[in-house]
Amino acid sequence: MTHASPLPGLGLTPRLLALAGCLLLVLPQIVVIVTSIDPNPAAIFPPHDVSFVWYLNAFTRPAFREALLVSVGVASITAIVATSFGTLAAVLVVRHRFAGRNALVAALQLPVLVPEVMLGLGFLILFSRLGMRASLVNIVLAHIVITMPFAVRVVMANLQTVSRSLEEAAQVLGATPVTSFVRITLPVIASGVASAFIFAFIVSFDNFTVTAFLVTGRGTLPIEIYAYIRTESDPTIAAISTIMIALSVVGILVIDRLLGIERLSKTQAARA
């Protein structure tokens, strides 16, 4: 019995299609990286020479340094708060059964499903109605909302691999639920919490759409990049983008080392 090809007449297999999809995702990043070392301001591709002058320009430009400090500060606060509340929410929905549990899980994931343009506009209207004029505070609050789903998902996936019998045994020996969680469960899921922190930090650090609606003064690094490309056209932004790509890759490798992305995906698939 013969089986039809996935795409009749083309002879393409799913593996080749997956490879083509990966290439479409990776090739633009390679172009950006190669362009960042081109000494020509016109950003000729492929470059005829190699220079790191645009990296120097990125590090010496005061606006970029200030924006980097703002981004690191906002992302750090966001990651700490989102991971803390995300861990508590994950414990609540994984360890307890109560009315409205499924609705709570759906609500926690809702910011991922709503387009960021709508989220940014919604936050702008909300903060304006409340009379909140502090730009950085508004940005942090908005970033906490959009990063919370990532923290919750990662911690939930890790927590589901931990047997509840460990906590129950500790409680039988006299430990309170809080003590058993802090001394037994939390050390076991520490890698998941650390991974959630990294995820939240990266998402907050890279966010542009929501932040653009809320910034009033000095913005984050993505906002400063956008302001720069409106007036300049040299490869400085390619150099900054290369650094951000490298940091994102390092973050993903750390998460894979701590938690295992394949195991996380399998846990989520089994839960679905």
Protein backbone atom coordinates (compact mmCIF):
# COMPACT_ATOMS: atom_id res chain seq x y z
CA MET A 1 0.00 0.00 0.00
CA THR A 2 1.49 3.32 -1.05
CA HIS A 3 1.27 6.50 0.98
CA ALA A 4 0.79 9.91 -0.53
CA SER A 5 3.56 12.44 -0.26
CA PRO A 6 2.92 15.29 2.22
CA LEU A 7 2.93 17.69 -0.71
CA PRO A 8 2.04 15.83 -3.92
CA GLY A 9 4.17 16.83 -6.87
CA LEU A 10 6.83 18.55 -4.78
CA GLY A 11 8.37 15.54 -3.09
CA LEU A 12 9.06 17.51 0.10
CA THR A 13 9.17 15.63 3.37
CA PRO A 14 8.22 17.11 6.75
CA ARG A 15 11.89 17.04 7.73
CA LEU A 16 12.87 19.19 4.75
CA LEU A 17 10.03 21.60 5.49
CA ALA A 18 11.21 21.86 9.09
CA LEU A 19 14.75 22.53 7.87
CA ALA A 20 13.50 25.23 5.50
CA GLY A 21 11.53 26.84 8.32
CA CYS A 22 14.62 26.86 10.55
CA LEU A 23 16.67 28.45 7.79
CA LEU A 24 14.07 31.18 7.34
CA LEU A 25 14.38 31.94 11.04
CA VAL A 26 18.17 31.75 11.26
CA LEU A 27 19.29 33.41 8.02
CA PRO A 28 18.07 36.94 8.94
CA GLN A 29 20.02 36.66 12.21
CA ILE A 30 23.14 35.66 10.28
CA VAL A 31 22.72 38.66 7.98
CA VAL A 32 22.46 40.97 11.00
CA ILE A 33 25.57 39.46 12.61
CA VAL A 34 27.64 39.72 9.41
CA THR A 35 26.44 43.28 8.77
CA SER A 36 27.53 44.35 12.26
CA ILE A 37 31.21 43.86 11.39
CA ASP A 38 31.04 45.83 8.13
CA PRO A 39 33.08 49.08 8.41
CA ASN A 40 31.03 50.66 5.62
CA PRO A 41 28.20 52.88 6.95
CA ALA A 42 26.06 51.76 4.00
CA ALA A 43 26.02 48.21 5.43
CA ILE A 44 27.04 46.34 2.31
CA PHE A 45 26.34 42.62 2.35
CA PRO A 46 28.52 40.65 2.22
CA PRO A 47 31.10 43.05 3.77
CA HIS A 48 34.44 43.61 2.06
CA ASP A 49 36.31 44.14 5.34
CA VAL A 50 35.95 43.46 9.05
CA SER A 51 35.69 46.11 11.75
CA PHE A 52 34.19 46.42 15.24
CA VAL A 53 33.75 50.19 15.05
CA TRP A 54 29.95 49.92 15.33
CA TYR A 55 30.25 47.93 18.55
CA LEU A 56 32.45 50.71 19.90
CA ASN A 57 29.87 53.28 18.82
CA ALA A 58 27.14 51.32 20.59
CA PHE A 59 29.05 51.19 23.87
CA THR A 60 30.27 54.81 23.79
CA ARG A 61 26.99 56.50 22.85
CA PRO A 62 25.52 57.94 26.10
CA ALA A 63 21.91 57.41 25.03
CA PHE A 64 22.50 53.69 24.54
CA ARG A 65 24.30 53.35 27.88
CA GLU A 66 21.48 55.07 29.74
CA ALA A 67 18.85 53.02 27.93
CA LEU A 68 20.76 49.82 28.74
CA LEU A 69 20.75 50.67 32.45
CA VAL A 70 17.01 51.39 32.29
CA SER A 71 16.35 48.10 30.47
CA VAL A 72 18.41 46.07 32.95
CA GLY A 73 16.69 47.74 35.91
CA VAL A 74 13.18 47.30 34.50
CA ALA A 75 13.83 43.70 33.42
CA SER A 76 15.39 42.79 36.78
CA ILE A 77 12.49 44.15 38.84
CA THR A 78 10.00 42.61 36.42
CA ALA A 79 11.67 39.20 36.53
CA ILE A 80 11.85 39.17 40.35
CA VAL A 81 8.18 40.10 40.81
CA ALA A 82 6.86 37.94 37.95
CA THR A 83 8.85 34.91 39.10
CA SER A 84 7.77 35.33 42.72
CA PHE A 85 4.07 35.68 41.96
CA GLY A 86 4.31 33.15 39.13
CA THR A 87 5.77 30.56 41.50
CA LEU A 88 2.98 31.15 44.04
CA ALA A 89 0.36 30.91 41.29
CA ALA A 90 1.91 27.70 39.96
CA VAL A 91 1.85 26.13 43.40
CA LEU A 92 -1.79 27.15 43.82
CA VAL A 93 -3.01 25.59 40.57
CA VAL A 94 -0.79 22.49 40.67
CA ARG A 95 -1.09 21.52 44.33
CA HIS A 96 -4.72 22.48 44.97
CA ARG A 97 -8.11 21.70 43.45
CA PHE A 98 -10.77 24.37 43.77
CA ALA A 99 -13.73 25.85 41.91
CA GLY A 100 -12.58 28.12 39.09
CA ARG A 101 -9.12 26.56 38.86
CA ASN A 102 -9.28 26.13 35.09
CA ALA A 103 -10.53 29.69 34.70
CA LEU A 104 -7.57 30.93 36.77
CA VAL A 105 -5.11 28.98 34.62
CA ALA A 106 -6.66 30.47 31.47
CA ALA A 107 -6.55 33.98 32.96
CA LEU A 108 -2.88 33.58 33.84
CA GLN A 109 -2.11 32.73 30.19
CA LEU A 110 -4.36 35.42 28.69
CA PRO A 111 -1.64 38.08 28.18
CA VAL A 112 0.11 35.72 25.75
CA LEU A 113 -3.04 35.39 23.64
CA VAL A 114 -3.82 39.12 23.40
CA PRO A 115 -1.87 41.07 20.73
CA GLU A 116 0.72 43.33 22.33
CA VAL A 117 -0.64 46.37 20.47
CA MET A 118 -3.95 45.88 22.24
CA LEU A 119 -2.20 45.31 25.56
CA GLY A 120 -0.13 48.47 25.17
CA LEU A 121 -3.16 50.56 24.26
CA GLY A 122 -5.13 49.05 27.13
CA PHE A 123 -2.40 49.83 29.64
CA LEU A 124 -2.10 53.39 28.29
CA ILE A 125 -5.85 53.99 28.74
CA LEU A 126 -5.85 52.37 32.19
CA PHE A 127 -2.90 54.33 33.54
CA SER A 128 -4.26 57.57 32.07
CA ARG A 129 -7.63 57.00 33.76
CA LEU A 130 -5.86 56.32 37.07
CA GLY A 131 -3.71 59.43 36.70
CA MET A 132 -0.45 57.43 36.82
CA ARG A 133 2.24 59.53 35.15
CA ALA A 134 5.36 57.66 36.32
CA SER A 135 6.67 56.18 33.10
CA LEU A 136 9.06 53.58 34.53
CA VAL A 137 6.54 52.39 37.14
CA ASN A 138 3.92 51.93 34.43
CA ILE A 139 6.39 50.04 32.24
CA VAL A 140 7.35 47.71 35.09
CA LEU A 141 3.70 46.98 35.93
CA ALA A 142 2.90 46.25 32.28
CA HIS A 143 5.97 44.05 31.89
CA ILE A 144 5.01 42.05 34.98
CA VAL A 145 1.67 41.25 33.37
CA ILE A 146 3.15 40.17 30.03
CA THR A 147 5.96 38.08 31.58
CA MET A 148 3.85 36.36 34.23
CA PRO A 149 2.52 33.66 31.84
CA PHE A 150 6.06 32.55 31.00
CA ALA A 151 7.04 32.30 34.66
CA VAL A 152 3.86 30.41 35.55
CA ARG A 153 4.23 27.91 32.71
CA VAL A 154 7.88 27.10 33.47
CA VAL A 155 7.34 26.65 37.22
CA MET A 156 4.15 24.63 36.66
CA ALA A 157 5.98 22.27 34.31
CA ASN A 158 8.79 21.81 36.84
CA LEU A 159 6.44 21.47 39.81
CA GLN A 160 4.45 18.71 38.09
CA THR A 161 7.58 16.54 38.07
CA VAL A 162 7.89 16.76 41.88
CA SER A 163 5.96 14.18 43.87
CA ARG A 164 3.57 15.66 46.40
CA SER A 165 4.43 12.81 48.78
CA LEU A 166 7.63 14.65 49.74
CA GLU A 167 5.65 17.57 51.11
CA GLU A 168 3.14 15.26 52.77
CA ALA A 169 5.93 13.33 54.48
CA ALA A 170 7.38 16.57 55.83
CA GLN A 171 3.97 17.62 57.14
CA VAL A 172 3.49 14.23 58.82
CA LEU A 173 6.75 14.89 60.67
CA GLY A 174 5.38 18.17 61.95
CA ALA A 175 6.28 20.75 59.28
CA THR A 176 3.71 23.34 58.31
CA PRO A 177 2.67 23.58 54.61
CA VAL A 178 4.76 26.73 54.23
CA THR A 179 7.80 25.15 55.87
CA SER A 180 7.53 22.00 53.78
CA PHE A 181 7.32 24.06 50.61
CA VAL A 182 10.25 26.31 51.52
CA ARG A 183 12.55 23.54 52.75
CA ILE A 184 11.48 20.61 50.57
CA THR A 185 9.76 21.67 47.34
CA LEU A 186 11.45 25.00 46.59
CA PRO A 187 15.01 23.59 46.58
CA VAL A 188 13.84 20.82 44.22
CA ILE A 189 12.25 23.26 41.74
CA ALA A 190 15.01 25.87 42.10
CA SER A 191 16.16 25.21 38.54
CA GLY A 192 12.63 25.85 37.25
CA VAL A 193 12.37 29.09 39.23
CA ALA A 194 15.74 30.22 37.88
CA SER A 195 14.62 29.37 34.35
CA ALA A 196 11.39 31.32 34.88
CA PHE A 197 13.46 34.31 36.02
CA ILE A 198 15.61 34.16 32.88
CA PHE A 199 12.57 33.84 30.63
CA ALA A 200 10.87 36.82 32.29
CA PHE A 201 14.06 38.90 32.12
CA ILE A 202 14.57 38.25 28.40
CA VAL A 203 10.93 38.93 27.50
CA SER A 204 10.95 42.19 29.47
CA PHE A 205 14.35 43.30 28.19
CA ASP A 206 13.39 42.74 24.53
CA ASN A 207 9.87 44.16 24.69
CA PHE A 208 9.15 47.10 22.41
CA THR A 209 5.44 47.17 21.50
CA VAL A 210 3.91 47.55 24.96
CA THR A 211 6.75 49.79 26.16
CA ALA A 212 6.31 52.18 23.22
CA PHE A 213 2.80 53.05 24.43
CA LEU A 214 3.97 53.89 27.96
CA VAL A 215 7.33 55.62 27.63
CA THR A 216 7.39 59.38 28.17
CA GLY A 217 11.06 60.19 28.84
CA ARG A 218 14.15 58.08 28.53
CA GLY A 219 13.03 54.65 27.42
CA THR A 220 14.42 51.15 27.35
CA LEU A 221 17.05 49.95 24.90
CA PRO A 222 14.54 48.77 22.23
CA ILE A 223 12.90 52.23 22.34
CA GLU A 224 16.28 53.95 21.97
CA ILE A 225 17.13 51.66 19.05
CA TYR A 226 13.90 52.66 17.33
CA ALA A 227 14.65 56.35 17.89
CA TYR A 228 18.16 55.87 16.46
CA ILE A 229 17.12 54.15 13.24
CA ARG A 230 14.69 56.98 12.48
CA THR A 231 17.62 59.34 11.92
CA GLU A 232 20.65 57.08 11.30
CA SER A 233 21.28 54.17 8.94
CA ASP A 234 24.69 52.78 9.97
CA PRO A 235 25.22 49.22 11.28
CA THR A 236 25.32 50.31 14.94
CA ILE A 237 21.88 48.78 15.44
CA ALA A 238 23.12 45.56 13.84
CA ALA A 239 25.91 45.48 16.43
CA ILE A 240 23.45 46.00 19.29
CA SER A 241 21.12 43.38 17.81
CA THR A 242 24.01 40.91 17.61
CA ILE A 243 24.76 41.44 21.30
CA MET A 244 21.10 40.96 22.19
CA ILE A 245 20.95 37.78 20.06
CA ALA A 246 24.02 36.45 21.86
CA LEU A 247 22.54 37.22 25.28
CA SER A 248 19.26 35.54 24.31
CA VAL A 249 21.10 32.44 23.11
CA VAL A 250 23.11 32.31 26.34
CA GLY A 251 19.89 32.63 28.33
CA ILE A 252 18.25 29.78 26.42
CA LEU A 253 21.34 27.58 26.89
CA VAL A 254 21.30 28.27 30.62
CA ILE A 255 17.60 27.39 30.79
CA ASP A 256 18.24 24.18 28.84
CA ARG A 257 21.08 23.36 31.22
CA LEU A 258 18.98 24.04 34.32
CA LEU A 259 15.64 22.59 33.27
CA GLY A 260 15.89 20.95 29.87
CA ILE A 261 13.78 22.54 27.14
CA GLU A 262 12.87 19.14 25.65
CA ARG A 263 11.67 17.87 29.02
CA LEU A 264 9.73 21.10 29.57
CA SER A 265 8.04 20.70 26.18
CA LYS A 266 7.14 17.07 26.88
CA THR A 267 5.65 18.01 30.25
CA GLN A 268 3.55 20.74 28.69
CA ALA A 269 2.43 18.40 25.89
CA ALA A 270 1.45 15.72 28.40
CA ARG A 271 -0.47 18.27 30.43
CA ALA A 272 -2.32 19.47 27.32
